[in-house]
Amino acid sequence: MHFLQNKESPLENLKTIKSGHLKSSANEEFFSASLLLALVLLSLTA
């Protein structure tokens, strides 16, 4: 019940993060780089 009292739901937080993310090209580049790194690590361990 304590969690539900939070003024913003996790979904709202995610939307906020996404919209903020789209506004920032630096964040976009960072996200792409970390995604690429994750893929490389996955292929190495696979």
C-alpha atoms as a PDB file:
ATOM      1  CA  MET A   1       0.000   0.000   0.000  1.00  0.00           C
ATOM      2  CA  HIS A   2       2.906   2.289   0.769  1.00  0.00           C
ATOM      3  CA  PHE A   3       4.106   2.037  -2.814  1.00  0.00           C
ATOM      4  CA  LEU A   4       0.707   3.006  -4.236  1.00  0.00           C
ATOM      5  CA  GLN A   5       0.834   6.333  -2.402  1.00  0.00           C
ATOM      6  CA  ASN A   6       3.670   7.389  -4.693  1.00  0.00           C
ATOM      7  CA  LYS A   7       2.424  10.348  -6.739  1.00  0.00           C
ATOM      8  CA  GLU A   8       3.898   8.937  -9.949  1.00  0.00           C
ATOM      9  CA  SER A   9       3.456   5.344 -11.028  1.00  0.00           C
ATOM     10  CA  PRO A  10       6.449   3.453 -12.475  1.00  0.00           C
ATOM     11  CA  LEU A  11       4.793   3.756 -15.882  1.00  0.00           C
ATOM     12  CA  GLU A  12       4.645   7.536 -15.563  1.00  0.00           C
ATOM     13  CA  ASN A  13       8.277   7.554 -14.508  1.00  0.00           C
ATOM     14  CA  LEU A  14       9.150   5.492 -17.559  1.00  0.00           C
ATOM     15  CA  LYS A  15       7.278   7.911 -19.831  1.00  0.00           C
ATOM     16  CA  THR A  16       9.115  10.839 -18.252  1.00  0.00           C
ATOM     17  CA  ILE A  17      12.448   9.107 -18.737  1.00  0.00           C
ATOM     18  CA  LYS A  18      11.569   8.257 -22.338  1.00  0.00           C
ATOM     19  CA  SER A  19      10.461  11.782 -23.254  1.00  0.00           C
ATOM     20  CA  GLY A  20      13.521  13.254 -21.568  1.00  0.00           C
ATOM     21  CA  HIS A  21      15.637  10.660 -23.370  1.00  0.00           C
ATOM     22  CA  LEU A  22      14.232  11.625 -26.766  1.00  0.00           C
ATOM     23  CA  LYS A  23      15.043  15.286 -26.155  1.00  0.00           C
ATOM     24  CA  SER A  24      18.692  14.588 -25.467  1.00  0.00           C
ATOM     25  CA  SER A  25      20.880  13.350 -28.303  1.00  0.00           C
ATOM     26  CA  ALA A  26      23.728  12.746 -25.862  1.00  0.00           C
ATOM     27  CA  ASN A  27      21.512  10.327 -23.962  1.00  0.00           C
ATOM     28  CA  GLU A  28      20.533   8.727 -27.265  1.00  0.00           C
ATOM     29  CA  GLU A  29      24.178   8.123 -28.150  1.00  0.00           C
ATOM     30  CA  PHE A  30      24.928   6.782 -24.685  1.00  0.00           C
ATOM     31  CA  PHE A  31      21.956   4.420 -24.884  1.00  0.00           C
ATOM     32  CA  SER A  32      23.058   3.146 -28.307  1.00  0.00           C
ATOM     33  CA  ALA A  33      26.604   2.622 -27.066  1.00  0.00           C
ATOM     34  CA  SER A  34      25.516   0.689 -23.986  1.00  0.00           C
ATOM     35  CA  LEU A  35      23.113  -1.376 -26.064  1.00  0.00           C
ATOM     36  CA  LEU A  36      25.918  -2.219 -28.483  1.00  0.00           C
ATOM     37  CA  LEU A  37      28.198  -3.112 -25.580  1.00  0.00           C
ATOM     38  CA  ALA A  38      25.511  -5.382 -24.143  1.00  0.00           C
ATOM     39  CA  LEU A  39      25.136  -7.152 -27.498  1.00  0.00           C
ATOM     40  CA  VAL A  40      28.893  -7.651 -27.770  1.00  0.00           C
ATOM     41  CA  LEU A  41      29.052  -9.082 -24.254  1.00  0.00           C
ATOM     42  CA  LEU A  42      26.140 -11.397 -25.020  1.00  0.00           C
ATOM     43  CA  SER A  43      27.780 -12.694 -28.178  1.00  0.00           C
ATOM     44  CA  LEU A  44      31.045 -13.282 -26.314  1.00  0.00           C
ATOM     45  CA  THR A  45      29.393 -15.276 -23.546  1.00  0.00           C
ATOM     46  CA  ALA A  46      27.041 -17.180 -25.852  1.00  0.00           C
END
